[in-house]
């Protein structure tokens, strides 16, 4: 896994290549971007359900849009990879809309690429997924009694008194089990990080 400095260096490198395309229509910069991102975009499209041929076409359309819209890239708003994958995502949405209308292209389809995408970026989605996996793993290590109290309290949003009634245990026991479960989870999550 690359270090944070390597990741930042890559971000600067890709952003610099996009700037070179915007300012000088630098074909070598475009070739480097294409070589790195096109296969990743194709894989992204295939994971999203596109056939290999459609994924390849969408990857090429994405890279063509990068060439045409390089001047619109703002390195302060998002990283190069996030910007490129946002274009890819928007093209995928356009593709699905056209398919659902029988392949017709409307003027509004072209404009969607210029909309600001407020959805989470791929790296944010990955980090969230990894955190959720860590929590799920830690939850499996709780005792059955602790897990049941956690489920009722946090997932079903039951009050402590209600949990005591459901489980037919004293209120103090509910609070004690929750406190022990939270301590155990904190310790487990600390070990997993």
Protein backbone atom coordinates (compact mmCIF):
# COMPACT_ATOMS: atom_id res chain seq x y z
CA UNK A 1 0.00 0.00 0.00
CA UNK A 2 1.45 3.41 -0.93
CA UNK A 3 2.41 5.79 1.85
CA UNK A 4 0.56 9.07 2.32
CA UNK A 5 3.47 10.96 0.69
CA UNK A 6 3.36 8.65 -2.34
CA UNK A 7 -0.41 9.10 -2.62
CA UNK A 8 -0.05 12.90 -2.41
CA UNK A 9 2.74 12.75 -5.00
CA UNK A 10 0.48 10.77 -7.35
CA UNK A 11 -2.32 13.30 -6.85
CA UNK A 12 0.03 16.17 -7.74
CA UNK A 13 1.42 14.22 -10.70
CA UNK A 14 -2.03 13.48 -12.20
CA UNK A 15 -3.20 17.03 -11.58
CA UNK A 16 -0.06 18.33 -13.28
CA UNK A 17 -0.72 16.14 -16.30
CA UNK A 18 -4.28 17.45 -16.56
CA UNK A 19 -2.95 21.02 -16.34
CA UNK A 20 -0.43 20.26 -19.12
CA UNK A 21 -3.29 19.03 -21.29
CA UNK A 22 -5.37 22.14 -20.51
CA UNK A 23 -2.55 24.59 -21.14
CA UNK A 24 -0.56 22.98 -23.97
CA UNK A 25 -2.71 20.09 -25.23
CA UNK A 26 0.22 17.90 -24.20
CA UNK A 27 -0.23 14.52 -25.88
CA UNK A 28 2.45 12.82 -23.76
CA UNK A 29 0.63 13.92 -20.59
CA UNK A 30 -2.63 12.58 -22.02
CA UNK A 31 -0.96 9.28 -22.94
CA UNK A 32 0.30 8.88 -19.36
CA UNK A 33 -3.17 9.61 -17.95
CA UNK A 34 -4.78 7.27 -20.44
CA UNK A 35 -2.37 4.44 -19.67
CA UNK A 36 -3.00 4.74 -15.94
CA UNK A 37 -6.75 5.52 -15.78
CA UNK A 38 -8.34 3.81 -18.81
CA UNK A 39 -7.90 0.24 -17.46
CA UNK A 40 -9.14 1.31 -14.03
CA UNK A 41 -12.20 3.02 -15.51
CA UNK A 42 -12.93 -0.04 -17.65
CA UNK A 43 -12.77 -2.25 -14.53
CA UNK A 44 -15.01 0.22 -12.66
CA UNK A 45 -17.56 0.06 -15.49
CA UNK A 46 -17.49 -3.74 -15.57
CA UNK A 47 -18.00 -3.89 -11.80
CA UNK A 48 -20.99 -1.59 -12.36
CA UNK A 49 -22.52 -4.15 -14.72
CA UNK A 50 -21.33 -2.97 -18.15
CA UNK A 51 -20.28 -5.56 -20.72
CA UNK A 52 -16.59 -5.61 -21.66
CA UNK A 53 -17.29 -3.79 -24.96
CA UNK A 54 -19.45 -1.12 -23.28
CA UNK A 55 -16.94 -0.72 -20.46
CA UNK A 56 -14.16 -0.20 -23.01
CA UNK A 57 -16.26 2.37 -24.89
CA UNK A 58 -17.17 4.23 -21.70
CA UNK A 59 -13.52 4.26 -20.60
CA UNK A 60 -12.51 5.79 -23.93
CA UNK A 61 -15.34 8.34 -23.76
CA UNK A 62 -14.21 9.25 -20.26
CA UNK A 63 -10.64 9.83 -21.36
CA UNK A 64 -11.83 11.85 -24.36
CA UNK A 65 -13.87 14.01 -21.97
CA UNK A 66 -10.74 14.45 -19.81
CA UNK A 67 -8.91 15.73 -22.93
CA UNK A 68 -11.73 18.11 -23.84
CA UNK A 69 -12.50 19.35 -20.33
CA UNK A 70 -9.01 19.52 -18.85
CA UNK A 71 -9.36 23.30 -18.49
CA UNK A 72 -12.35 22.76 -16.15
CA UNK A 73 -10.29 20.69 -13.67
CA UNK A 74 -9.91 22.46 -10.33
CA UNK A 75 -7.24 20.75 -8.19
CA UNK A 76 -8.53 22.63 -5.13
CA UNK A 77 -12.00 21.05 -5.31
CA UNK A 78 -11.09 17.39 -5.82
CA UNK A 79 -8.17 15.19 -6.72
CA UNK A 80 -7.47 14.21 -10.31
CA UNK A 81 -8.65 10.62 -9.79
CA UNK A 82 -11.89 11.80 -8.17
CA UNK A 83 -12.51 14.23 -11.03
CA UNK A 84 -11.83 11.59 -13.69
CA UNK A 85 -14.00 8.98 -11.96
CA UNK A 86 -16.79 11.53 -11.57
CA UNK A 87 -16.73 12.02 -15.34
CA UNK A 88 -16.79 8.23 -15.75
CA UNK A 89 -19.69 7.88 -13.33
CA UNK A 90 -21.67 10.59 -15.12
CA UNK A 91 -21.05 8.95 -18.48
CA UNK A 92 -22.23 5.63 -17.05
CA UNK A 93 -25.42 7.31 -15.82
CA UNK A 94 -25.91 8.90 -19.26
CA UNK A 95 -25.39 5.51 -20.90
CA UNK A 96 -28.04 3.88 -18.69
CA UNK A 97 -30.48 6.72 -19.35
CA UNK A 98 -29.99 6.43 -23.10
CA UNK A 99 -30.46 2.66 -22.91
CA UNK A 100 -33.67 3.05 -20.93
CA UNK A 101 -34.98 5.44 -23.63
CA UNK A 102 -33.96 3.14 -26.45
CA UNK A 103 -30.59 4.71 -27.23
CA UNK A 104 -31.83 8.28 -27.84
CA UNK A 105 -29.42 11.07 -26.83
CA UNK A 106 -30.92 14.25 -25.45
CA UNK A 107 -29.20 17.60 -25.01
CA UNK A 108 -29.61 17.34 -21.23
CA UNK A 109 -27.54 14.13 -21.28
CA UNK A 110 -24.51 16.03 -22.53
CA UNK A 111 -24.85 18.74 -19.90
CA UNK A 112 -24.93 16.32 -16.96
CA UNK A 113 -21.14 16.02 -17.08
CA UNK A 114 -20.86 19.64 -15.98
CA UNK A 115 -22.90 19.16 -12.83
CA UNK A 116 -21.04 19.13 -9.55
CA UNK A 117 -21.07 15.69 -8.01
CA UNK A 118 -21.62 15.85 -4.25
CA UNK A 119 -21.55 12.09 -3.83
CA UNK A 120 -18.75 10.53 -1.79
CA UNK A 121 -15.47 10.11 -3.61
CA UNK A 122 -14.10 6.58 -4.22
CA UNK A 123 -11.44 6.89 -1.50
CA UNK A 124 -14.08 8.03 1.00
CA UNK A 125 -16.32 5.10 0.07
CA UNK A 126 -13.41 2.70 0.52
CA UNK A 127 -12.48 4.14 3.92
CA UNK A 128 -16.11 3.90 5.09
CA UNK A 129 -16.35 0.32 3.86
CA UNK A 130 -13.15 -0.63 5.66
CA UNK A 131 -14.41 0.97 8.90
CA UNK A 132 -17.72 -0.87 8.62
CA UNK A 133 -15.87 -4.16 8.09
CA UNK A 134 -13.78 -3.52 11.21
CA UNK A 135 -16.89 -2.81 13.29
CA UNK A 136 -18.69 -5.92 11.96
CA UNK A 137 -15.65 -8.02 12.79
CA UNK A 138 -15.45 -6.60 16.31
CA UNK A 139 -19.18 -7.15 16.89
CA UNK A 140 -18.79 -10.87 16.19
CA UNK A 141 -16.39 -11.09 19.14
CA UNK A 142 -18.95 -9.91 21.71
CA UNK A 143 -20.73 -12.42 23.93
CA UNK A 144 -24.29 -13.32 22.89
CA UNK A 145 -25.74 -11.39 25.86
CA UNK A 146 -23.71 -8.27 25.03
CA UNK A 147 -24.52 -8.51 21.31
CA UNK A 148 -28.26 -8.78 21.99
CA UNK A 149 -28.21 -5.66 24.18
CA UNK A 150 -26.18 -3.76 21.55
CA UNK A 151 -28.59 -4.83 18.79
CA UNK A 152 -31.63 -3.70 20.75
CA UNK A 153 -30.05 -0.43 21.87
CA UNK A 154 -28.28 0.75 18.72
CA UNK A 155 -29.86 -1.07 15.79
CA UNK A 156 -33.45 -1.23 17.01
CA UNK A 157 -33.13 2.03 19.02
CA UNK A 158 -34.86 0.68 22.11
CA UNK A 159 -34.67 2.51 25.45
CA UNK A 160 -32.75 0.78 28.24
CA UNK A 161 -35.94 0.19 30.24
CA UNK A 162 -37.59 -1.36 27.19
CA UNK A 163 -34.57 -3.64 26.67
CA UNK A 164 -34.84 -4.74 30.31
CA UNK A 165 -38.49 -5.67 29.73
CA UNK A 166 -37.81 -7.50 26.45
CA UNK A 167 -34.92 -9.53 27.89
CA UNK A 168 -36.55 -9.85 31.31
CA UNK A 169 -33.43 -8.67 33.12
CA UNK A 170 -32.85 -5.79 35.56
CA UNK A 171 -32.19 -2.30 34.14
CA UNK A 172 -28.78 -2.27 35.87
CA UNK A 173 -27.82 -5.45 34.00
CA UNK A 174 -28.75 -3.83 30.67
CA UNK A 175 -26.57 -0.82 31.45
CA UNK A 176 -23.73 -3.02 32.67
CA UNK A 177 -23.81 -5.21 29.53
CA UNK A 178 -23.85 -2.15 27.29
CA UNK A 179 -20.94 -0.57 29.14
CA UNK A 180 -18.92 -3.81 28.94
CA UNK A 181 -19.79 -4.25 25.25
CA UNK A 182 -18.70 -0.70 24.42
CA UNK A 183 -15.43 -1.15 26.31
CA UNK A 184 -14.82 -4.45 24.52
CA UNK A 185 -15.58 -2.88 21.12
CA UNK A 186 -13.25 0.05 21.81
CA UNK A 187 -10.47 -2.37 22.71
CA UNK A 188 -11.12 -4.59 19.69
CA UNK A 189 -11.26 -1.67 17.28
CA UNK A 190 -8.03 -0.36 18.78
CA UNK A 191 -6.37 -3.75 18.10
CA UNK A 192 -7.68 -3.87 14.52
CA UNK A 193 -6.40 -0.42 13.52
